[in-house]
Amino acid sequence: MKQNLLALLAGLLFGLGLCVSEMASPAKVLNFLDVAGNWDPSLMLVMGGALAVTILAFRLVLKRKEPIFSAEFKLPSGSNVDKRLLLGASLFGVGWGLIGYCPGPAITALGFGLIYPVIVFVAMIAGFMIHRLIFERNS
């Protein structure tokens, strides 16, 4: 129960941060990506701040022998770059560049009552299901 409550609080804090930094706004994101036109570099500060906090927090947290609300740390173990990773990263980047939403901001923007985040969310769930049908069925 504590783990779920902590996850909810972390998600709410993340969503609030996305709203305050305007990363849940596709126009803000698309202007950041438009380096040849109406470029808005302010999201570099948001990303840099997030990276700095992450680096510091990981150093502090990983000094512990175990997490507070779990038996062990669950860190990624893979480090190989293969075709599937490159294809997935490319699809993510193209999708983000075309519509201005990635998963976190899209889910956050569902609360704005607009139709576009709903379409993005439904497409994202469909993509998850297609991935499961193609890749997880064979394993």
N, C-alpha and C. Protein backbone atom coordinates (compact mmCIF):
# COMPACT_ATOMS: atom_id res chain seq x y z
N MET A 1 0.82 -1.20 0.00
CA MET A 1 0.00 0.00 0.00
C MET A 1 0.87 1.27 0.00
N LYS A 2 1.93 1.27 0.83
CA LYS A 2 2.81 2.43 0.88
C LYS A 2 3.47 2.67 -0.47
N GLN A 3 3.83 1.57 -1.14
CA GLN A 3 4.49 1.68 -2.45
C GLN A 3 3.55 2.32 -3.47
N ASN A 4 2.28 1.91 -3.47
CA ASN A 4 1.30 2.49 -4.40
C ASN A 4 1.04 3.96 -4.09
N LEU A 5 0.96 4.31 -2.83
CA LEU A 5 0.75 5.70 -2.45
C LEU A 5 1.94 6.56 -2.88
N LEU A 6 3.14 6.04 -2.68
CA LEU A 6 4.34 6.77 -3.09
C LEU A 6 4.37 6.94 -4.61
N ALA A 7 3.98 5.88 -5.34
CA ALA A 7 3.93 5.97 -6.81
C ALA A 7 2.90 7.02 -7.24
N LEU A 8 1.76 7.06 -6.58
CA LEU A 8 0.74 8.08 -6.90
C LEU A 8 1.27 9.48 -6.64
N LEU A 9 1.92 9.68 -5.50
CA LEU A 9 2.47 11.00 -5.19
C LEU A 9 3.56 11.40 -6.18
N ALA A 10 4.41 10.45 -6.56
CA ALA A 10 5.46 10.75 -7.54
C ALA A 10 4.84 11.11 -8.89
N GLY A 11 3.80 10.39 -9.29
CA GLY A 11 3.11 10.69 -10.55
C GLY A 11 2.44 12.06 -10.53
N LEU A 12 1.82 12.40 -9.41
CA LEU A 12 1.21 13.72 -9.28
C LEU A 12 2.25 14.84 -9.33
N LEU A 13 3.38 14.62 -8.67
CA LEU A 13 4.46 15.61 -8.70
C LEU A 13 5.03 15.75 -10.11
N PHE A 14 5.19 14.63 -10.80
CA PHE A 14 5.68 14.64 -12.18
C PHE A 14 4.70 15.40 -13.08
N GLY A 15 3.41 15.11 -12.97
CA GLY A 15 2.40 15.80 -13.76
C GLY A 15 2.35 17.28 -13.47
N LEU A 16 2.48 17.65 -12.19
CA LEU A 16 2.51 19.06 -11.83
C LEU A 16 3.73 19.74 -12.46
N GLY A 17 4.88 19.07 -12.40
CA GLY A 17 6.08 19.62 -13.02
C GLY A 17 5.92 19.81 -14.52
N LEU A 18 5.26 18.85 -15.18
CA LEU A 18 5.02 18.98 -16.62
C LEU A 18 4.11 20.16 -16.92
N CYS A 19 3.11 20.38 -16.07
CA CYS A 19 2.20 21.51 -16.29
C CYS A 19 2.91 22.85 -16.03
N VAL A 20 3.65 22.95 -14.93
CA VAL A 20 4.33 24.19 -14.60
C VAL A 20 5.36 24.56 -15.66
N SER A 21 6.09 23.55 -16.17
CA SER A 21 7.11 23.81 -17.19
C SER A 21 6.53 23.92 -18.59
N GLU A 22 5.22 23.72 -18.71
CA GLU A 22 4.50 23.76 -19.98
C GLU A 22 4.90 22.64 -20.95
N MET A 23 5.51 21.57 -20.45
CA MET A 23 5.85 20.45 -21.32
C MET A 23 4.62 19.65 -21.71
N ALA A 24 3.50 19.87 -21.03
CA ALA A 24 2.25 19.21 -21.42
C ALA A 24 1.58 19.96 -22.56
N SER A 25 2.17 21.06 -22.97
CA SER A 25 1.63 21.85 -24.09
C SER A 25 2.39 21.49 -25.36
N PRO A 26 1.71 20.88 -26.33
CA PRO A 26 2.42 20.51 -27.56
C PRO A 26 3.00 21.71 -28.31
N ALA A 27 2.37 22.88 -28.21
CA ALA A 27 2.89 24.06 -28.89
C ALA A 27 4.26 24.44 -28.32
N LYS A 28 4.39 24.37 -27.01
CA LYS A 28 5.66 24.69 -26.35
C LYS A 28 6.75 23.72 -26.80
N VAL A 29 6.41 22.45 -26.84
CA VAL A 29 7.37 21.42 -27.24
C VAL A 29 7.74 21.57 -28.71
N LEU A 30 6.74 21.79 -29.56
CA LEU A 30 7.02 21.93 -31.00
C LEU A 30 7.86 23.17 -31.28
N ASN A 31 7.64 24.26 -30.54
CA ASN A 31 8.48 25.44 -30.70
C ASN A 31 9.92 25.16 -30.26
N PHE A 32 10.08 24.33 -29.26
CA PHE A 32 11.43 23.95 -28.84
C PHE A 32 12.14 23.16 -29.94
N LEU A 33 11.39 22.31 -30.62
CA LEU A 33 11.98 21.47 -31.68
C LEU A 33 12.17 22.23 -32.99
N ASP A 34 11.55 23.39 -33.14
CA ASP A 34 11.62 24.18 -34.38
C ASP A 34 12.83 25.11 -34.33
N VAL A 35 14.04 24.54 -34.47
CA VAL A 35 15.26 25.34 -34.34
C VAL A 35 15.46 26.30 -35.52
N ALA A 36 14.80 26.04 -36.65
CA ALA A 36 14.97 26.92 -37.81
C ALA A 36 13.87 27.99 -37.90
N GLY A 37 12.92 27.96 -36.97
CA GLY A 37 11.82 28.92 -37.05
C GLY A 37 11.60 29.64 -35.74
N ASN A 38 10.48 29.36 -35.11
CA ASN A 38 10.08 30.03 -33.87
C ASN A 38 10.63 29.27 -32.66
N TRP A 39 11.96 29.17 -32.57
CA TRP A 39 12.60 28.34 -31.56
C TRP A 39 12.44 28.92 -30.16
N ASP A 40 12.05 28.05 -29.22
CA ASP A 40 11.90 28.43 -27.82
C ASP A 40 12.85 27.55 -27.00
N PRO A 41 14.00 28.08 -26.59
CA PRO A 41 14.99 27.26 -25.89
C PRO A 41 14.69 27.01 -24.41
N SER A 42 13.57 27.51 -23.90
CA SER A 42 13.31 27.42 -22.46
C SER A 42 13.21 25.98 -21.95
N LEU A 43 12.81 25.05 -22.80
CA LEU A 43 12.70 23.67 -22.33
C LEU A 43 14.06 23.02 -22.10
N MET A 44 15.13 23.61 -22.65
CA MET A 44 16.47 23.13 -22.32
C MET A 44 16.73 23.30 -20.83
N LEU A 45 16.24 24.39 -20.26
CA LEU A 45 16.41 24.61 -18.82
C LEU A 45 15.62 23.57 -18.02
N VAL A 46 14.42 23.25 -18.48
CA VAL A 46 13.60 22.23 -17.81
C VAL A 46 14.31 20.88 -17.87
N MET A 47 14.78 20.51 -19.05
CA MET A 47 15.47 19.23 -19.20
C MET A 47 16.78 19.20 -18.43
N GLY A 48 17.51 20.30 -18.46
CA GLY A 48 18.76 20.37 -17.70
C GLY A 48 18.52 20.26 -16.20
N GLY A 49 17.49 20.94 -15.72
CA GLY A 49 17.13 20.85 -14.30
C GLY A 49 16.73 19.44 -13.90
N ALA A 50 15.95 18.79 -14.76
CA ALA A 50 15.53 17.42 -14.47
C ALA A 50 16.74 16.47 -14.46
N LEU A 51 17.65 16.68 -15.38
CA LEU A 51 18.85 15.85 -15.44
C LEU A 51 19.71 16.05 -14.20
N ALA A 52 19.88 17.29 -13.77
CA ALA A 52 20.68 17.57 -12.58
C ALA A 52 20.08 16.92 -11.34
N VAL A 53 18.77 17.06 -11.16
CA VAL A 53 18.10 16.45 -10.01
C VAL A 53 18.23 14.94 -10.07
N THR A 54 18.07 14.35 -11.25
CA THR A 54 18.18 12.90 -11.40
C THR A 54 19.58 12.40 -11.04
N ILE A 55 20.59 13.08 -11.54
CA ILE A 55 21.97 12.66 -11.26
C ILE A 55 22.24 12.71 -9.75
N LEU A 56 21.85 13.79 -9.11
CA LEU A 56 22.07 13.90 -7.67
C LEU A 56 21.25 12.87 -6.89
N ALA A 57 19.99 12.72 -7.25
CA ALA A 57 19.12 11.79 -6.53
C ALA A 57 19.60 10.34 -6.68
N PHE A 58 20.01 9.95 -7.89
CA PHE A 58 20.49 8.59 -8.09
C PHE A 58 21.72 8.33 -7.23
N ARG A 59 22.63 9.29 -7.16
CA ARG A 59 23.84 9.11 -6.34
C ARG A 59 23.47 8.90 -4.88
N LEU A 60 22.52 9.68 -4.38
CA LEU A 60 22.13 9.55 -2.98
C LEU A 60 21.36 8.26 -2.73
N VAL A 61 20.40 7.97 -3.57
CA VAL A 61 19.53 6.80 -3.36
C VAL A 61 20.32 5.50 -3.50
N LEU A 62 21.20 5.41 -4.49
CA LEU A 62 21.92 4.16 -4.72
C LEU A 62 23.03 3.90 -3.70
N LYS A 63 23.26 4.84 -2.79
CA LYS A 63 24.18 4.58 -1.68
C LYS A 63 23.53 3.68 -0.63
N ARG A 64 22.21 3.61 -0.66
CA ARG A 64 21.48 2.75 0.28
C ARG A 64 21.64 1.29 -0.13
N LYS A 65 21.54 0.39 0.84
CA LYS A 65 21.64 -1.04 0.54
C LYS A 65 20.39 -1.55 -0.14
N GLU A 66 19.25 -0.95 0.22
CA GLU A 66 17.97 -1.34 -0.39
C GLU A 66 17.01 -0.17 -0.36
N PRO A 67 16.01 -0.19 -1.24
CA PRO A 67 15.01 0.89 -1.25
C PRO A 67 14.17 0.86 0.04
N ILE A 68 13.50 1.95 0.31
CA ILE A 68 12.68 2.04 1.52
C ILE A 68 11.41 1.19 1.40
N PHE A 69 10.77 1.20 0.23
CA PHE A 69 9.49 0.52 0.08
C PHE A 69 9.55 -0.71 -0.82
N SER A 70 10.72 -1.29 -0.99
CA SER A 70 10.86 -2.48 -1.83
C SER A 70 12.03 -3.30 -1.30
N ALA A 71 12.09 -4.56 -1.72
CA ALA A 71 13.16 -5.44 -1.25
C ALA A 71 14.47 -5.20 -1.98
N GLU A 72 14.39 -4.70 -3.23
CA GLU A 72 15.61 -4.51 -4.01
C GLU A 72 15.42 -3.40 -5.03
N PHE A 73 16.54 -2.84 -5.50
CA PHE A 73 16.51 -1.87 -6.58
C PHE A 73 16.28 -2.61 -7.88
N LYS A 74 15.48 -2.05 -8.75
CA LYS A 74 15.23 -2.64 -10.06
C LYS A 74 15.79 -1.70 -11.12
N LEU A 75 17.04 -1.91 -11.48
CA LEU A 75 17.72 -1.07 -12.44
C LEU A 75 17.86 -1.81 -13.76
N PRO A 76 17.87 -1.10 -14.87
CA PRO A 76 18.04 -1.78 -16.16
C PRO A 76 19.40 -2.48 -16.23
N SER A 77 19.39 -3.66 -16.81
CA SER A 77 20.64 -4.42 -16.91
C SER A 77 21.18 -4.46 -18.34
N GLY A 78 20.32 -4.24 -19.32
CA GLY A 78 20.76 -4.30 -20.71
C GLY A 78 21.48 -3.05 -21.14
N SER A 79 22.46 -3.23 -22.00
CA SER A 79 23.18 -2.06 -22.51
C SER A 79 23.44 -2.17 -24.01
N ASN A 80 22.86 -3.20 -24.63
CA ASN A 80 23.11 -3.36 -26.06
C ASN A 80 22.17 -2.49 -26.89
N VAL A 81 22.70 -1.96 -27.97
CA VAL A 81 21.93 -1.16 -28.91
C VAL A 81 21.65 -2.04 -30.12
N ASP A 82 20.38 -2.36 -30.34
CA ASP A 82 20.03 -3.24 -31.45
C ASP A 82 19.00 -2.56 -32.35
N LYS A 83 18.55 -3.26 -33.37
CA LYS A 83 17.59 -2.68 -34.33
C LYS A 83 16.28 -2.30 -33.67
N ARG A 84 15.81 -3.13 -32.76
CA ARG A 84 14.53 -2.84 -32.10
C ARG A 84 14.62 -1.56 -31.27
N LEU A 85 15.74 -1.37 -30.57
CA LEU A 85 15.92 -0.15 -29.78
C LEU A 85 15.98 1.08 -30.69
N LEU A 86 16.74 0.99 -31.76
CA LEU A 86 16.86 2.11 -32.68
C LEU A 86 15.53 2.43 -33.36
N LEU A 87 14.78 1.40 -33.75
CA LEU A 87 13.47 1.61 -34.37
C LEU A 87 12.50 2.25 -33.38
N GLY A 88 12.47 1.73 -32.16
CA GLY A 88 11.58 2.30 -31.14
C GLY A 88 11.92 3.74 -30.81
N ALA A 89 13.22 4.03 -30.66
CA ALA A 89 13.64 5.40 -30.37
C ALA A 89 13.30 6.33 -31.53
N SER A 90 13.45 5.84 -32.75
CA SER A 90 13.11 6.65 -33.93
C SER A 90 11.61 6.94 -34.00
N LEU A 91 10.80 5.91 -33.77
CA LEU A 91 9.34 6.12 -33.77
C LEU A 91 8.92 7.09 -32.67
N PHE A 92 9.52 6.95 -31.50
CA PHE A 92 9.22 7.86 -30.39
C PHE A 92 9.58 9.29 -30.79
N GLY A 93 10.77 9.50 -31.33
CA GLY A 93 11.22 10.84 -31.71
C GLY A 93 10.38 11.45 -32.81
N VAL A 94 10.05 10.65 -33.81
CA VAL A 94 9.22 11.17 -34.91
C VAL A 94 7.83 11.53 -34.40
N GLY A 95 7.25 10.66 -33.58
CA GLY A 95 5.93 10.94 -33.02
C GLY A 95 5.93 12.18 -32.16
N TRP A 96 6.95 12.32 -31.32
CA TRP A 96 7.06 13.49 -30.45
C TRP A 96 7.23 14.75 -31.29
N GLY A 97 8.05 14.67 -32.34
CA GLY A 97 8.28 15.83 -33.19
C GLY A 97 7.07 16.22 -34.03
N LEU A 98 6.24 15.25 -34.40
CA LEU A 98 5.07 15.55 -35.23
C LEU A 98 3.91 16.15 -34.42
N ILE A 99 3.69 15.62 -33.22
CA ILE A 99 2.50 16.05 -32.48
C ILE A 99 2.81 16.79 -31.18
N GLY A 100 4.05 16.73 -30.70
CA GLY A 100 4.41 17.47 -29.49
C GLY A 100 4.08 16.78 -28.19
N TYR A 101 3.65 15.53 -28.24
CA TYR A 101 3.35 14.77 -27.03
C TYR A 101 4.24 13.55 -26.96
N CYS A 102 4.79 13.29 -25.78
CA CYS A 102 5.35 11.97 -25.48
C CYS A 102 4.47 11.41 -24.36
N PRO A 103 4.67 10.17 -23.93
CA PRO A 103 3.68 9.55 -23.01
C PRO A 103 3.36 10.34 -21.75
N GLY A 104 4.36 10.83 -21.03
CA GLY A 104 4.08 11.56 -19.79
C GLY A 104 3.21 12.79 -19.99
N PRO A 105 3.61 13.70 -20.87
CA PRO A 105 2.77 14.87 -21.12
C PRO A 105 1.40 14.52 -21.71
N ALA A 106 1.32 13.47 -22.53
CA ALA A 106 0.02 13.09 -23.09
C ALA A 106 -0.94 12.66 -22.00
N ILE A 107 -0.45 11.86 -21.05
CA ILE A 107 -1.31 11.41 -19.95
C ILE A 107 -1.66 12.60 -19.06
N THR A 108 -0.71 13.47 -18.81
CA THR A 108 -0.97 14.67 -18.01
C THR A 108 -2.03 15.53 -18.69
N ALA A 109 -1.93 15.70 -20.00
CA ALA A 109 -2.84 16.57 -20.75
C ALA A 109 -4.25 15.99 -20.85
N LEU A 110 -4.44 14.71 -20.50
CA LEU A 110 -5.80 14.16 -20.51
C LEU A 110 -6.72 14.97 -19.59
N GLY A 111 -6.16 15.52 -18.52
CA GLY A 111 -6.95 16.31 -17.58
C GLY A 111 -7.37 17.67 -18.09
N PHE A 112 -6.86 18.08 -19.25
CA PHE A 112 -7.22 19.39 -19.80
C PHE A 112 -8.56 19.37 -20.53
N GLY A 113 -9.12 18.17 -20.78
CA GLY A 113 -10.41 18.07 -21.45
C GLY A 113 -10.36 18.28 -22.96
N LEU A 114 -9.19 18.13 -23.56
CA LEU A 114 -9.03 18.28 -25.01
C LEU A 114 -9.08 16.93 -25.69
N ILE A 115 -9.39 16.90 -26.97
CA ILE A 115 -9.52 15.64 -27.70
C ILE A 115 -8.17 15.08 -28.14
N TYR A 116 -7.21 15.94 -28.47
CA TYR A 116 -5.93 15.45 -28.99
C TYR A 116 -5.18 14.55 -28.00
N PRO A 117 -5.10 14.89 -26.72
CA PRO A 117 -4.45 13.96 -25.80
C PRO A 117 -5.16 12.61 -25.71
N VAL A 118 -6.47 12.61 -25.87
CA VAL A 118 -7.23 11.35 -25.86
C VAL A 118 -6.83 10.50 -27.07
N ILE A 119 -6.74 11.14 -28.23
CA ILE A 119 -6.33 10.42 -29.45
C ILE A 119 -4.92 9.86 -29.28
N VAL A 120 -4.01 10.67 -28.75
CA VAL A 120 -2.64 10.22 -28.52
C VAL A 120 -2.61 9.05 -27.54
N PHE A 121 -3.40 9.15 -26.46
CA PHE A 121 -3.44 8.09 -25.46
C PHE A 121 -3.97 6.78 -26.05
N VAL A 122 -5.05 6.87 -26.82
CA VAL A 122 -5.63 5.67 -27.45
C VAL A 122 -4.62 5.07 -28.44
N ALA A 123 -3.95 5.91 -29.22
CA ALA A 123 -2.94 5.42 -30.16
C ALA A 123 -1.77 4.77 -29.42
N MET A 124 -1.40 5.33 -28.28
CA MET A 124 -0.32 4.77 -27.49
C MET A 124 -0.69 3.39 -26.95
N ILE A 125 -1.89 3.25 -26.44
CA ILE A 125 -2.36 1.94 -25.95
C ILE A 125 -2.42 0.95 -27.10
N ALA A 126 -2.90 1.37 -28.26
CA ALA A 126 -2.93 0.50 -29.44
C ALA A 126 -1.52 0.05 -29.81
N GLY A 127 -0.57 0.97 -29.76
CA GLY A 127 0.83 0.62 -30.04
C GLY A 127 1.37 -0.40 -29.06
N PHE A 128 1.03 -0.25 -27.77
CA PHE A 128 1.45 -1.23 -26.77
C PHE A 128 0.88 -2.61 -27.10
N MET A 129 -0.38 -2.64 -27.49
CA MET A 129 -1.03 -3.92 -27.79
C MET A 129 -0.44 -4.56 -29.05
N ILE A 130 -0.17 -3.75 -30.06
CA ILE A 130 0.44 -4.26 -31.29
C ILE A 130 1.83 -4.81 -30.99
N HIS A 131 2.59 -4.11 -30.17
CA HIS A 131 3.91 -4.59 -29.78
C HIS A 131 3.81 -5.94 -29.08
N ARG A 132 2.85 -6.05 -28.17
CA ARG A 132 2.67 -7.33 -27.44
C ARG A 132 2.31 -8.45 -28.41
N LEU A 133 1.41 -8.17 -29.38
CA LEU A 133 1.04 -9.19 -30.35
C LEU A 133 2.22 -9.63 -31.21
N ILE A 134 3.03 -8.69 -31.63
CA ILE A 134 4.13 -9.01 -32.54
C ILE A 134 5.32 -9.62 -31.80
N PHE A 135 5.75 -9.01 -30.70
CA PHE A 135 7.01 -9.39 -30.09
C PHE A 135 6.88 -10.34 -28.90
N GLU A 136 5.86 -10.20 -28.11
CA GLU A 136 5.76 -11.02 -26.90
C GLU A 136 5.05 -12.34 -27.16
N ARG A 137 4.32 -12.44 -28.25
CA ARG A 137 3.65 -13.69 -28.59
C ARG A 137 4.65 -14.77 -28.94
N ASN A 138 5.76 -14.37 -29.57
CA ASN A 138 6.76 -15.34 -30.02
C ASN A 138 7.72 -15.74 -28.91
N SER A 139 7.75 -15.04 -27.78
CA SER A 139 8.72 -15.41 -26.76
C SER A 139 8.13 -16.27 -25.66
